[in-house]
């Protein structure tokens, strides 16, 4: 499912004339690194990503989603965006690549 989400996000970025550089995630949250033009309305872009990806994932993985999630939406309304100057893309990419493992141990999973 994460691979399909990656494909959907890449396609949406192309439609918005921006470029998906890196994508990774856990069950929650996901991390995107994308390049965009300063004129782009980021709130509309995120809203579009959330609504389109939710609709597509829910339809393509309906049986699985119905078993684990009872809500009508896939995403929380909130999101975080930061623009970065003075940091190389390789540093940002490395940060996102490392997000696929939880930062702290899951309760009850200790030694």
N, C-alpha and C. Protein backbone atom coordinates (compact mmCIF):
# COMPACT_ATOMS: atom_id res chain seq x y z
N UNK A 1 0.83 -1.19 0.00
CA UNK A 1 0.00 0.00 0.00
C UNK A 1 0.88 1.26 0.00
N UNK A 2 1.99 1.22 0.74
CA UNK A 2 2.88 2.37 0.77
C UNK A 2 3.48 2.64 -0.61
N UNK A 3 3.78 1.59 -1.36
CA UNK A 3 4.29 1.74 -2.71
C UNK A 3 3.25 2.40 -3.62
N UNK A 4 2.01 1.99 -3.49
CA UNK A 4 0.94 2.59 -4.30
C UNK A 4 0.74 4.06 -3.93
N UNK A 5 0.82 4.37 -2.64
CA UNK A 5 0.72 5.75 -2.20
C UNK A 5 1.85 6.59 -2.81
N UNK A 6 3.03 6.03 -2.86
CA UNK A 6 4.17 6.72 -3.47
C UNK A 6 3.87 7.05 -4.93
N UNK A 7 3.31 6.10 -5.67
CA UNK A 7 2.96 6.32 -7.08
C UNK A 7 1.90 7.42 -7.22
N UNK A 8 0.91 7.39 -6.37
CA UNK A 8 -0.16 8.40 -6.41
C UNK A 8 0.42 9.78 -6.13
N UNK A 9 1.27 9.89 -5.13
CA UNK A 9 1.86 11.18 -4.77
C UNK A 9 2.77 11.70 -5.87
N UNK A 10 3.54 10.80 -6.49
CA UNK A 10 4.40 11.21 -7.60
C UNK A 10 3.57 11.77 -8.75
N UNK A 11 2.46 11.09 -9.08
CA UNK A 11 1.58 11.56 -10.15
C UNK A 11 0.94 12.91 -9.81
N UNK A 12 0.50 13.08 -8.57
CA UNK A 12 -0.10 14.35 -8.16
C UNK A 12 0.92 15.48 -8.22
N UNK A 13 2.13 15.21 -7.81
CA UNK A 13 3.17 16.24 -7.89
C UNK A 13 3.39 16.68 -9.33
N UNK A 14 3.42 15.73 -10.24
CA UNK A 14 3.59 16.08 -11.65
C UNK A 14 2.44 16.96 -12.15
N UNK A 15 1.22 16.65 -11.72
CA UNK A 15 0.07 17.44 -12.14
C UNK A 15 0.12 18.86 -11.60
N UNK A 16 0.78 19.05 -10.47
CA UNK A 16 0.91 20.37 -9.86
C UNK A 16 2.22 21.06 -10.27
N UNK A 17 2.91 20.50 -11.24
CA UNK A 17 4.18 21.05 -11.74
C UNK A 17 5.24 21.16 -10.65
N UNK A 18 5.27 20.17 -9.79
CA UNK A 18 6.36 20.09 -8.84
C UNK A 18 6.95 18.69 -8.94
N UNK A 19 8.02 18.45 -8.22
CA UNK A 19 8.73 17.19 -8.37
C UNK A 19 8.89 16.52 -7.01
N UNK A 20 8.44 15.28 -6.92
CA UNK A 20 8.62 14.49 -5.71
C UNK A 20 10.06 14.00 -5.69
N UNK A 21 10.80 14.40 -4.69
CA UNK A 21 12.20 14.03 -4.60
C UNK A 21 12.37 12.79 -3.72
N UNK A 22 11.66 12.76 -2.60
CA UNK A 22 11.77 11.62 -1.67
C UNK A 22 10.45 11.42 -0.97
N UNK A 23 10.16 10.16 -0.68
CA UNK A 23 8.94 9.78 0.03
C UNK A 23 9.30 8.60 0.92
N UNK A 24 8.80 8.63 2.14
CA UNK A 24 8.95 7.49 3.05
C UNK A 24 7.93 7.65 4.15
N UNK A 25 7.71 6.61 4.86
CA UNK A 25 6.75 6.73 5.94
C UNK A 25 6.61 5.47 6.76
N UNK A 26 5.87 5.63 7.80
CA UNK A 26 5.48 4.56 8.69
C UNK A 26 3.97 4.45 8.57
N UNK A 27 3.36 3.76 9.48
CA UNK A 27 1.90 3.74 9.49
C UNK A 27 1.38 5.17 9.62
N UNK A 28 2.06 5.98 10.41
CA UNK A 28 1.71 7.38 10.59
C UNK A 28 2.92 8.04 11.21
N UNK A 29 3.53 8.99 10.66
CA UNK A 29 3.20 9.83 9.52
C UNK A 29 3.95 9.39 8.27
N UNK A 30 3.71 10.12 7.18
CA UNK A 30 4.52 9.97 5.99
C UNK A 30 5.34 11.24 5.84
N UNK A 31 6.41 11.16 5.06
CA UNK A 31 7.28 12.31 4.83
C UNK A 31 7.48 12.47 3.34
N UNK A 32 7.30 13.68 2.87
CA UNK A 32 7.50 14.01 1.46
C UNK A 32 8.55 15.11 1.36
N UNK A 33 9.41 14.97 0.40
CA UNK A 33 10.33 16.04 0.04
C UNK A 33 10.02 16.35 -1.42
N UNK A 34 9.59 17.57 -1.68
CA UNK A 34 9.24 17.92 -3.05
C UNK A 34 9.74 19.31 -3.37
N UNK A 35 10.00 19.52 -4.64
CA UNK A 35 10.46 20.81 -5.14
C UNK A 35 9.28 21.48 -5.81
N UNK A 36 9.06 22.75 -5.50
CA UNK A 36 7.90 23.45 -6.04
C UNK A 36 8.26 24.90 -6.36
N UNK A 37 7.40 25.55 -7.13
CA UNK A 37 7.57 26.95 -7.45
C UNK A 37 7.01 27.80 -6.32
N UNK A 38 7.62 28.93 -6.03
CA UNK A 38 7.15 29.79 -4.92
C UNK A 38 5.70 30.25 -5.07
N UNK A 39 5.18 30.32 -6.28
CA UNK A 39 3.81 30.77 -6.50
C UNK A 39 2.77 29.71 -6.14
N UNK A 40 3.20 28.51 -5.89
CA UNK A 40 2.26 27.41 -5.64
C UNK A 40 1.52 27.63 -4.32
N UNK A 41 0.22 27.39 -4.34
CA UNK A 41 -0.60 27.49 -3.14
C UNK A 41 -0.48 26.17 -2.37
N UNK A 42 0.37 26.14 -1.37
CA UNK A 42 0.69 24.89 -0.67
C UNK A 42 -0.52 24.30 0.06
N UNK A 43 -1.39 25.13 0.60
CA UNK A 43 -2.55 24.58 1.31
C UNK A 43 -3.48 23.85 0.33
N UNK A 44 -3.66 24.38 -0.87
CA UNK A 44 -4.49 23.70 -1.87
C UNK A 44 -3.81 22.41 -2.34
N UNK A 45 -2.50 22.47 -2.49
CA UNK A 45 -1.74 21.29 -2.89
C UNK A 45 -1.89 20.16 -1.87
N UNK A 46 -1.71 20.48 -0.60
CA UNK A 46 -1.84 19.47 0.45
C UNK A 46 -3.27 18.94 0.52
N UNK A 47 -4.24 19.83 0.42
CA UNK A 47 -5.64 19.41 0.42
C UNK A 47 -5.90 18.44 -0.73
N UNK A 48 -5.36 18.73 -1.91
CA UNK A 48 -5.53 17.86 -3.07
C UNK A 48 -4.84 16.51 -2.84
N UNK A 49 -3.64 16.53 -2.30
CA UNK A 49 -2.92 15.29 -2.01
C UNK A 49 -3.74 14.43 -1.04
N UNK A 50 -4.23 15.06 0.02
CA UNK A 50 -4.97 14.30 1.02
C UNK A 50 -6.27 13.73 0.46
N UNK A 51 -7.02 14.52 -0.26
CA UNK A 51 -8.32 14.04 -0.74
C UNK A 51 -8.17 13.00 -1.85
N UNK A 52 -7.31 13.26 -2.83
CA UNK A 52 -7.16 12.32 -3.94
C UNK A 52 -6.52 11.02 -3.48
N UNK A 53 -5.46 11.10 -2.70
CA UNK A 53 -4.79 9.87 -2.25
C UNK A 53 -5.71 9.05 -1.34
N UNK A 54 -6.47 9.71 -0.49
CA UNK A 54 -7.41 9.00 0.38
C UNK A 54 -8.45 8.26 -0.45
N UNK A 55 -9.01 8.94 -1.42
CA UNK A 55 -10.04 8.33 -2.26
C UNK A 55 -9.48 7.13 -3.03
N UNK A 56 -8.29 7.29 -3.59
CA UNK A 56 -7.70 6.21 -4.39
C UNK A 56 -7.28 5.02 -3.53
N UNK A 57 -6.65 5.28 -2.40
CA UNK A 57 -6.22 4.18 -1.51
C UNK A 57 -7.43 3.44 -0.98
N UNK A 58 -8.44 4.18 -0.56
CA UNK A 58 -9.65 3.53 -0.02
C UNK A 58 -10.36 2.69 -1.06
N UNK A 59 -10.36 3.11 -2.32
CA UNK A 59 -11.03 2.31 -3.35
C UNK A 59 -10.19 1.12 -3.77
N UNK A 60 -8.88 1.28 -3.85
CA UNK A 60 -8.02 0.20 -4.31
C UNK A 60 -7.72 -0.84 -3.23
N UNK A 61 -7.83 -0.45 -1.97
CA UNK A 61 -7.56 -1.36 -0.86
C UNK A 61 -8.77 -1.40 0.07
N UNK A 62 -9.94 -1.42 -0.51
CA UNK A 62 -11.19 -1.31 0.26
C UNK A 62 -11.33 -2.39 1.33
N UNK A 63 -11.07 -3.64 1.00
CA UNK A 63 -11.23 -4.71 1.98
C UNK A 63 -10.31 -4.51 3.18
N UNK A 64 -9.07 -4.19 2.91
CA UNK A 64 -8.11 -3.98 3.98
C UNK A 64 -8.48 -2.76 4.82
N UNK A 65 -8.82 -1.65 4.16
CA UNK A 65 -9.14 -0.41 4.87
C UNK A 65 -10.39 -0.57 5.72
N UNK A 66 -11.37 -1.30 5.23
CA UNK A 66 -12.60 -1.51 6.00
C UNK A 66 -12.35 -2.30 7.27
N UNK A 67 -11.35 -3.16 7.26
CA UNK A 67 -11.02 -3.97 8.44
C UNK A 67 -10.30 -3.15 9.51
N UNK A 68 -9.47 -2.21 9.09
CA UNK A 68 -8.64 -1.49 10.07
C UNK A 68 -9.11 -0.10 10.41
N UNK A 69 -9.94 0.50 9.59
CA UNK A 69 -10.26 1.91 9.79
C UNK A 69 -11.74 2.16 9.52
N UNK A 70 -12.42 2.78 10.44
CA UNK A 70 -13.84 3.04 10.29
C UNK A 70 -14.15 4.46 9.84
N UNK A 71 -13.13 5.31 9.76
CA UNK A 71 -13.35 6.71 9.38
C UNK A 71 -13.52 6.84 7.86
N UNK A 72 -14.12 7.95 7.45
CA UNK A 72 -14.29 8.23 6.02
C UNK A 72 -13.07 8.88 5.40
N UNK A 73 -12.11 9.27 6.20
CA UNK A 73 -10.92 9.94 5.68
C UNK A 73 -9.67 9.17 6.06
N UNK A 74 -8.66 9.30 5.24
CA UNK A 74 -7.39 8.61 5.51
C UNK A 74 -6.44 9.49 6.31
N UNK A 75 -6.51 10.80 6.10
CA UNK A 75 -5.55 11.72 6.70
C UNK A 75 -6.18 12.57 7.79
N UNK A 76 -5.33 13.02 8.72
CA UNK A 76 -5.73 14.06 9.67
C UNK A 76 -5.80 15.37 8.90
N UNK A 77 -6.56 16.30 9.40
CA UNK A 77 -6.64 17.61 8.74
C UNK A 77 -5.32 18.37 8.86
N UNK A 78 -4.57 18.11 9.91
CA UNK A 78 -3.35 18.86 10.12
C UNK A 78 -2.20 18.30 9.29
N UNK A 79 -1.22 19.16 9.03
CA UNK A 79 -0.02 18.77 8.32
C UNK A 79 1.07 19.76 8.68
N UNK A 80 2.29 19.42 8.36
CA UNK A 80 3.42 20.29 8.64
C UNK A 80 4.21 20.46 7.36
N UNK A 81 4.52 21.70 7.02
CA UNK A 81 5.37 22.00 5.87
C UNK A 81 6.47 22.93 6.33
N UNK A 82 7.67 22.64 5.90
CA UNK A 82 8.80 23.53 6.17
C UNK A 82 9.56 23.74 4.88
N UNK A 83 9.92 24.97 4.60
CA UNK A 83 10.79 25.20 3.45
C UNK A 83 12.21 25.29 3.99
N UNK A 84 13.12 24.82 3.22
CA UNK A 84 14.50 24.70 3.70
C UNK A 84 15.44 25.45 2.78
N UNK A 85 16.19 26.33 3.35
CA UNK A 85 17.25 27.01 2.62
C UNK A 85 18.56 26.71 3.31
N UNK A 86 19.59 26.55 2.57
CA UNK A 86 20.90 26.30 3.16
C UNK A 86 21.14 24.85 3.55
N UNK A 87 20.19 23.98 3.27
CA UNK A 87 20.37 22.56 3.55
C UNK A 87 20.37 21.85 2.21
N UNK A 88 21.29 20.92 2.05
CA UNK A 88 21.35 20.22 0.77
C UNK A 88 20.22 19.21 0.65
N UNK A 89 19.84 18.93 -0.57
CA UNK A 89 18.80 17.95 -0.83
C UNK A 89 19.23 16.58 -0.30
N UNK A 90 20.51 16.27 -0.38
CA UNK A 90 20.97 14.96 0.10
C UNK A 90 20.78 14.81 1.61
N UNK A 91 20.94 15.88 2.37
CA UNK A 91 20.70 15.83 3.82
C UNK A 91 19.21 15.61 4.10
N UNK A 92 18.36 16.34 3.39
CA UNK A 92 16.92 16.16 3.56
C UNK A 92 16.48 14.76 3.14
N UNK A 93 17.01 14.27 2.04
CA UNK A 93 16.68 12.93 1.56
C UNK A 93 17.09 11.89 2.59
N UNK A 94 18.27 12.03 3.17
CA UNK A 94 18.73 11.08 4.19
C UNK A 94 17.81 11.10 5.41
N UNK A 95 17.37 12.27 5.80
CA UNK A 95 16.45 12.39 6.93
C UNK A 95 15.16 11.61 6.65
N UNK A 96 14.60 11.81 5.48
CA UNK A 96 13.35 11.13 5.14
C UNK A 96 13.56 9.62 5.02
N UNK A 97 14.65 9.19 4.42
CA UNK A 97 14.94 7.76 4.30
C UNK A 97 15.00 7.10 5.67
N UNK A 98 15.47 7.82 6.66
CA UNK A 98 15.61 7.27 8.00
C UNK A 98 14.32 7.30 8.81
N UNK A 99 13.24 7.82 8.24
CA UNK A 99 11.98 7.93 8.97
C UNK A 99 11.17 6.64 8.98
N UNK A 100 11.63 5.59 8.33
CA UNK A 100 10.85 4.36 8.28
C UNK A 100 11.01 3.52 9.53
N UNK A 101 11.76 3.98 10.51
CA UNK A 101 11.86 3.28 11.79
C UNK A 101 11.46 4.23 12.89
N UNK A 102 10.67 3.77 13.85
CA UNK A 102 10.23 4.64 14.93
C UNK A 102 11.41 5.23 15.70
N UNK A 103 11.24 6.47 16.13
CA UNK A 103 12.31 7.15 16.87
C UNK A 103 12.45 6.59 18.28
N UNK A 104 11.35 6.16 18.89
CA UNK A 104 11.44 5.59 20.23
C UNK A 104 10.86 4.20 20.21
N UNK A 105 11.26 3.39 21.19
CA UNK A 105 10.76 2.01 21.22
C UNK A 105 9.25 1.99 21.43
N UNK A 106 8.61 1.05 20.79
CA UNK A 106 7.17 0.86 20.98
C UNK A 106 6.95 0.22 22.34
N UNK A 107 5.96 0.70 23.06
CA UNK A 107 5.65 0.21 24.40
C UNK A 107 5.48 -1.31 24.36
N UNK A 108 6.17 -1.99 25.25
CA UNK A 108 6.05 -3.44 25.33
C UNK A 108 6.97 -4.18 24.38
N UNK A 109 7.82 -3.46 23.64
CA UNK A 109 8.69 -4.14 22.69
C UNK A 109 10.14 -4.15 23.15
N UNK A 110 10.37 -3.81 24.40
CA UNK A 110 11.72 -3.75 24.94
C UNK A 110 12.36 -5.12 25.05
N UNK A 111 13.64 -5.15 25.46
CA UNK A 111 14.36 -6.42 25.56
C UNK A 111 13.80 -7.37 26.58
